[in-house]
Structures are given as structure tokens and as C-alpha cells.
């Protein structure tokens, strides 16, 4: 596995974990929510920019993306 892929996986796992903590969700539910409302696609598509931000900013961005796609978590 390349270092880039490993970094992307680690970052994605970290974002799911932090999202679940911020929104008081079990990690499995956080993953499903992010998948259902476009957060996972956002992480994949915007990794190059997002991983340069603070984790707090990345979670804010994930929350906004999901809300724009019909998610109800604020």
C-alpha cells in the first residue's frame, strides 16, 4: 500500500472518529451518516485541501456538507 493511500485512510478514520465524538454518535452511525449525506465523498474528493486544515475545521466542513445534502445533525 502506498504512503498516500495509507495517509488518506488514516485521515478518513480520524475524521469519522472526531465527527462521532463531536456529534455524540457511535462511530458506526457517524460513518453511515457521512456516507448517506455526502461526507465520505467530500473527504475523498477534497482530501488534498482538507487534510491541511485543523481537524476542527474539517469536522465543521463535513457537518456543513452533510447538512446541505439533507443531513439534520447541527
C-alpha atoms as a PDB file:
ATOM      1  CA  UNK A   1       0.000   0.000   0.000  1.00  0.00           C
ATOM      2  CA  UNK A   2       1.377   3.385  -0.926  1.00  0.00           C
ATOM      3  CA  UNK A   3       2.046   6.049   1.677  1.00  0.00           C
ATOM      4  CA  UNK A   4      -0.542   8.345   0.069  1.00  0.00           C
ATOM      5  CA  UNK A   5      -3.273   5.727   0.374  1.00  0.00           C
ATOM      6  CA  UNK A   6      -2.271   4.964   3.967  1.00  0.00           C
ATOM      7  CA  UNK A   7      -2.399   8.693   4.813  1.00  0.00           C
ATOM      8  CA  UNK A   8      -5.836   9.052   3.239  1.00  0.00           C
ATOM      9  CA  UNK A   9      -7.167   6.068   5.171  1.00  0.00           C
ATOM     10  CA  UNK A  10      -5.741   7.315   8.469  1.00  0.00           C
ATOM     11  CA  UNK A  11      -7.160  10.791   7.872  1.00  0.00           C
ATOM     12  CA  UNK A  12     -10.588   9.410   6.978  1.00  0.00           C
ATOM     13  CA  UNK A  13     -10.678   7.209  10.086  1.00  0.00           C
ATOM     14  CA  UNK A  14      -9.630  10.176  12.227  1.00  0.00           C
ATOM     15  CA  UNK A  15     -12.373  12.358  10.713  1.00  0.00           C
ATOM     16  CA  UNK A  16     -15.044   9.726  11.327  1.00  0.00           C
ATOM     17  CA  UNK A  17     -13.872   9.348  14.917  1.00  0.00           C
ATOM     18  CA  UNK A  18     -13.808  13.099  15.572  1.00  0.00           C
ATOM     19  CA  UNK A  19     -17.183  13.576  13.865  1.00  0.00           C
ATOM     20  CA  UNK A  20     -18.690  10.846  16.028  1.00  0.00           C
ATOM     21  CA  UNK A  21     -17.315  12.455  19.186  1.00  0.00           C
ATOM     22  CA  UNK A  22     -18.457  15.974  18.300  1.00  0.00           C
ATOM     23  CA  UNK A  23     -21.976  14.813  17.479  1.00  0.00           C
ATOM     24  CA  UNK A  24     -22.226  12.158  20.214  1.00  0.00           C
ATOM     25  CA  UNK A  25     -22.700   9.296  17.761  1.00  0.00           C
ATOM     26  CA  UNK A  26     -21.234   5.814  17.822  1.00  0.00           C
ATOM     27  CA  UNK A  27     -18.543   5.575  15.111  1.00  0.00           C
ATOM     28  CA  UNK A  28     -20.655   3.175  13.015  1.00  0.00           C
ATOM     29  CA  UNK A  29     -23.575   5.624  12.955  1.00  0.00           C
ATOM     30  CA  UNK A  30     -21.242   8.518  12.191  1.00  0.00           C
ATOM     31  CA  UNK A  31     -19.827   6.582   9.218  1.00  0.00           C
ATOM     32  CA  UNK A  32     -23.319   5.747   7.931  1.00  0.00           C
ATOM     33  CA  UNK A  33     -24.441   9.363   8.306  1.00  0.00           C
ATOM     34  CA  UNK A  34     -21.342  10.650   6.493  1.00  0.00           C
ATOM     35  CA  UNK A  35     -21.827   8.076   3.738  1.00  0.00           C
ATOM     36  CA  UNK A  36     -25.548   8.802   3.347  1.00  0.00           C
ATOM     37  CA  UNK A  37     -25.167  12.593   3.225  1.00  0.00           C
ATOM     38  CA  UNK A  38     -22.051  13.020   1.105  1.00  0.00           C
ATOM     39  CA  UNK A  39     -19.418  13.424   3.795  1.00  0.00           C
ATOM     40  CA  UNK A  40     -17.391  10.400   2.733  1.00  0.00           C
ATOM     41  CA  UNK A  41     -17.376  11.529  -0.897  1.00  0.00           C
ATOM     42  CA  UNK A  42     -16.336  15.003   0.273  1.00  0.00           C
ATOM     43  CA  UNK A  43     -13.411  13.547   2.242  1.00  0.00           C
ATOM     44  CA  UNK A  44     -12.309  11.559  -0.786  1.00  0.00           C
ATOM     45  CA  UNK A  45     -12.700  14.390  -3.284  1.00  0.00           C
ATOM     46  CA  UNK A  46     -11.291  17.190  -1.115  1.00  0.00           C
ATOM     47  CA  UNK A  47      -8.567  15.355   0.791  1.00  0.00           C
ATOM     48  CA  UNK A  48      -5.747  17.433  -0.692  1.00  0.00           C
ATOM     49  CA  UNK A  49      -7.158  20.657   0.772  1.00  0.00           C
ATOM     50  CA  UNK A  50      -8.941  19.351   3.862  1.00  0.00           C
ATOM     51  CA  UNK A  51      -6.011  17.498   5.405  1.00  0.00           C
ATOM     52  CA  UNK A  52      -4.125  20.801   5.557  1.00  0.00           C
ATOM     53  CA  UNK A  53      -6.795  22.318   7.832  1.00  0.00           C
ATOM     54  CA  UNK A  54      -7.268  21.756  11.535  1.00  0.00           C
ATOM     55  CA  UNK A  55      -9.386  18.750  12.437  1.00  0.00           C
ATOM     56  CA  UNK A  56     -11.966  21.152  13.910  1.00  0.00           C
ATOM     57  CA  UNK A  57     -12.275  22.939  10.562  1.00  0.00           C
ATOM     58  CA  UNK A  58     -12.534  19.630   8.715  1.00  0.00           C
ATOM     59  CA  UNK A  59     -15.364  18.479  11.003  1.00  0.00           C
ATOM     60  CA  UNK A  60     -17.112  21.841  10.546  1.00  0.00           C
ATOM     61  CA  UNK A  61     -16.846  21.356   6.774  1.00  0.00           C
ATOM     62  CA  UNK A  62     -18.173  17.792   6.991  1.00  0.00           C
ATOM     63  CA  UNK A  63     -21.117  18.974   9.053  1.00  0.00           C
ATOM     64  CA  UNK A  64     -21.940  21.703   6.522  1.00  0.00           C
ATOM     65  CA  UNK A  65     -21.635  19.355   3.531  1.00  0.00           C
ATOM     66  CA  UNK A  66     -23.945  16.810   5.141  1.00  0.00           C
ATOM     67  CA  UNK A  67     -26.490  19.483   6.103  1.00  0.00           C
ATOM     68  CA  UNK A  68     -26.525  20.744   2.510  1.00  0.00           C
ATOM     69  CA  UNK A  69     -27.257  17.198   1.392  1.00  0.00           C
ATOM     70  CA  UNK A  70     -30.216  16.739   3.738  1.00  0.00           C
ATOM     71  CA  UNK A  71     -28.495  15.723   6.967  1.00  0.00           C
ATOM     72  CA  UNK A  72     -30.151  17.022  10.138  1.00  0.00           C
ATOM     73  CA  UNK A  73     -27.197  16.962  12.554  1.00  0.00           C
ATOM     74  CA  UNK A  74     -26.178  20.502  13.504  1.00  0.00           C
END
